[in-house]
Structure formats: structure tokens, C-alpha cells
Amino acid sequence: MADKEIENLQRDLQALRQDVSSLTDSLKKMSAERVNAGLDSARASGEKFRQQAEEATRNLEQEIEARPFTSVLAAFGVGFIIGKLLDR
């Protein structure tokens, strides 16, 4: 009877090992999928930010071309204020 119980325990232990292995594989796959989804999201956000930066640059260039004197005065004023703040 003891041999039969040992064989049953060994089978149960083998089945448990297989279940743990299967669970580990599933967790690895899920983690990889989440990482890939995160990377895709980061890439999309980066692309959106790049497009917005390009648009803002084009708008600024158009504003400077439309009003060059005002743009130069504004840049001088901002530079002057920053210089005074950093001079302290």
C-alpha cells in the first residue's frame, strides 16, 4: 500500500510541476504582451508629440515672417527679463 501511495504522490507532484511550468509560461507571455503594448503606446505618444512640435514650429515661423519687428522686440524683451532674473 505504501508503494501505491508513493506512486500517486509522485504522479501528483509531476502534474503539479507541469501546472506550475504552464502557469509560468502564461505569465511570461502576458508580461511580454503588456510590455509590447506599453512600447506601442509610448511610440504613438512620441509620434504625436513630434507632430505637435513640428506644427508649433511652423506656426512660430509663420508668425515671425508675418511680424518680424514685433518678434524681434518680443525676443529681446524675454531675453532681457531672463538675463535680469539670472543676474541676481
C-alpha atoms as a PDB file:
ATOM      1  CA  MET A   1       0.000   0.000   0.000  1.00  0.00           C
ATOM      2  CA  ALA A   2       2.837   2.420   0.761  1.00  0.00           C
ATOM      3  CA  ASP A   3       4.306   1.889  -2.711  1.00  0.00           C
ATOM      4  CA  LYS A   4       0.954   2.747  -4.292  1.00  0.00           C
ATOM      5  CA  GLU A   5       0.706   5.953  -2.226  1.00  0.00           C
ATOM      6  CA  ILE A   6       4.260   6.940  -3.177  1.00  0.00           C
ATOM      7  CA  GLU A   7       3.471   6.409  -6.857  1.00  0.00           C
ATOM      8  CA  ASN A   8       0.327   8.514  -6.511  1.00  0.00           C
ATOM      9  CA  LEU A   9       2.308  11.257  -4.774  1.00  0.00           C
ATOM     10  CA  GLN A  10       4.964  11.158  -7.495  1.00  0.00           C
ATOM     11  CA  ARG A  11       2.293  11.466 -10.217  1.00  0.00           C
ATOM     12  CA  ASP A  12       0.620  14.302  -8.352  1.00  0.00           C
ATOM     13  CA  LEU A  13       3.973  16.024  -7.922  1.00  0.00           C
ATOM     14  CA  GLN A  14       4.741  15.646 -11.635  1.00  0.00           C
ATOM     15  CA  ALA A  15       1.308  17.062 -12.525  1.00  0.00           C
ATOM     16  CA  LEU A  16       1.927  19.968 -10.145  1.00  0.00           C
ATOM     17  CA  ARG A  17       5.295  20.661 -11.779  1.00  0.00           C
ATOM     18  CA  GLN A  18       3.650  20.731 -15.196  1.00  0.00           C
ATOM     19  CA  ASP A  19       0.931  23.072 -13.954  1.00  0.00           C
ATOM     20  CA  VAL A  20       3.496  25.431 -12.438  1.00  0.00           C
ATOM     21  CA  SER A  21       5.508  25.339 -15.674  1.00  0.00           C
ATOM     22  CA  SER A  22       2.402  26.099 -17.710  1.00  0.00           C
ATOM     23  CA  LEU A  23       1.469  28.950 -15.370  1.00  0.00           C
ATOM     24  CA  THR A  24       4.979  30.392 -15.613  1.00  0.00           C
ATOM     25  CA  ASP A  25       4.859  30.268 -19.412  1.00  0.00           C
ATOM     26  CA  SER A  26       1.480  32.015 -19.407  1.00  0.00           C
ATOM     27  CA  LEU A  27       2.766  34.751 -17.105  1.00  0.00           C
ATOM     28  CA  LYS A  28       5.795  35.296 -19.352  1.00  0.00           C
ATOM     29  CA  LYS A  29       3.571  35.646 -22.404  1.00  0.00           C
ATOM     30  CA  MET A  30       1.232  38.062 -20.626  1.00  0.00           C
ATOM     31  CA  SER A  31       4.164  40.157 -19.434  1.00  0.00           C
ATOM     32  CA  ALA A  32       5.646  40.297 -22.920  1.00  0.00           C
ATOM     33  CA  GLU A  33       2.291  41.358 -24.366  1.00  0.00           C
ATOM     34  CA  ARG A  34       1.950  44.133 -21.799  1.00  0.00           C
ATOM     35  CA  VAL A  35       5.480  45.358 -22.463  1.00  0.00           C
ATOM     36  CA  ASN A  36       4.800  45.418 -26.199  1.00  0.00           C
ATOM     37  CA  ALA A  37       1.530  47.270 -25.651  1.00  0.00           C
ATOM     38  CA  GLY A  38       3.362  49.802 -23.480  1.00  0.00           C
ATOM     39  CA  LEU A  39       6.047  50.297 -26.119  1.00  0.00           C
ATOM     40  CA  ASP A  40       3.436  50.773 -28.813  1.00  0.00           C
ATOM     41  CA  SER A  41       1.667  53.351 -26.663  1.00  0.00           C
ATOM     42  CA  ALA A  42       4.942  55.177 -25.975  1.00  0.00           C
ATOM     43  CA  ARG A  43       5.792  55.217 -29.679  1.00  0.00           C
ATOM     44  CA  ALA A  44       2.364  56.599 -30.540  1.00  0.00           C
ATOM     45  CA  SER A  45       2.688  59.298 -27.873  1.00  0.00           C
ATOM     46  CA  GLY A  46       6.169  60.200 -29.112  1.00  0.00           C
ATOM     47  CA  GLU A  47       4.951  60.463 -32.688  1.00  0.00           C
ATOM     48  CA  LYS A  48       2.013  62.643 -31.612  1.00  0.00           C
ATOM     49  CA  PHE A  49       4.348  64.920 -29.624  1.00  0.00           C
ATOM     50  CA  ARG A  50       6.734  65.166 -32.604  1.00  0.00           C
ATOM     51  CA  GLN A  51       3.877  66.172 -34.898  1.00  0.00           C
ATOM     52  CA  GLN A  52       2.660  68.787 -32.412  1.00  0.00           C
ATOM     53  CA  ALA A  53       6.191  70.185 -32.065  1.00  0.00           C
ATOM     54  CA  GLU A  54       6.552  70.429 -35.834  1.00  0.00           C
ATOM     55  CA  GLU A  55       3.204  72.199 -36.103  1.00  0.00           C
ATOM     56  CA  ALA A  56       4.137  74.641 -33.332  1.00  0.00           C
ATOM     57  CA  THR A  57       7.432  75.345 -35.088  1.00  0.00           C
ATOM     58  CA  ARG A  58       5.657  76.029 -38.392  1.00  0.00           C
ATOM     59  CA  ASN A  59       3.183  78.337 -36.620  1.00  0.00           C
ATOM     60  CA  LEU A  60       6.019  80.208 -34.931  1.00  0.00           C
ATOM     61  CA  GLU A  61       7.873  80.585 -38.227  1.00  0.00           C
ATOM     62  CA  GLN A  62       4.732  81.962 -39.875  1.00  0.00           C
ATOM     63  CA  GLU A  63       4.204  84.401 -37.002  1.00  0.00           C
ATOM     64  CA  ILE A  64       7.804  85.602 -37.235  1.00  0.00           C
ATOM     65  CA  GLU A  65       7.513  86.053 -41.005  1.00  0.00           C
ATOM     66  CA  ALA A  66       4.228  87.965 -40.615  1.00  0.00           C
ATOM     67  CA  ARG A  67       5.532  90.266 -37.867  1.00  0.00           C
ATOM     68  CA  PRO A  68       9.356  90.315 -37.870  1.00  0.00           C
ATOM     69  CA  PHE A  69       9.776  93.574 -35.930  1.00  0.00           C
ATOM     70  CA  THR A  70       7.351  92.545 -33.187  1.00  0.00           C
ATOM     71  CA  SER A  71       9.046  89.131 -32.976  1.00  0.00           C
ATOM     72  CA  VAL A  72      12.481  90.691 -32.546  1.00  0.00           C
ATOM     73  CA  LEU A  73      11.199  93.029 -29.826  1.00  0.00           C
ATOM     74  CA  ALA A  74       9.460  90.162 -28.025  1.00  0.00           C
ATOM     75  CA  ALA A  75      12.608  88.011 -28.175  1.00  0.00           C
ATOM     76  CA  PHE A  76      14.690  90.927 -26.875  1.00  0.00           C
ATOM     77  CA  GLY A  77      12.223  91.521 -24.036  1.00  0.00           C
ATOM     78  CA  VAL A  78      12.148  87.886 -22.995  1.00  0.00           C
ATOM     79  CA  GLY A  79      15.944  87.691 -23.162  1.00  0.00           C
ATOM     80  CA  PHE A  80      16.271  90.873 -21.111  1.00  0.00           C
ATOM     81  CA  ILE A  81      13.909  89.580 -18.403  1.00  0.00           C
ATOM     82  CA  ILE A  82      15.661  86.206 -18.229  1.00  0.00           C
ATOM     83  CA  GLY A  83      19.026  87.978 -18.043  1.00  0.00           C
ATOM     84  CA  LYS A  84      17.849  90.147 -15.151  1.00  0.00           C
ATOM     85  CA  LEU A  85      16.440  87.131 -13.312  1.00  0.00           C
ATOM     86  CA  LEU A  86      19.660  85.153 -13.723  1.00  0.00           C
ATOM     87  CA  ASP A  87      21.808  88.173 -12.820  1.00  0.00           C
ATOM     88  CA  ARG A  88      20.533  88.092  -9.242  1.00  0.00           C
END
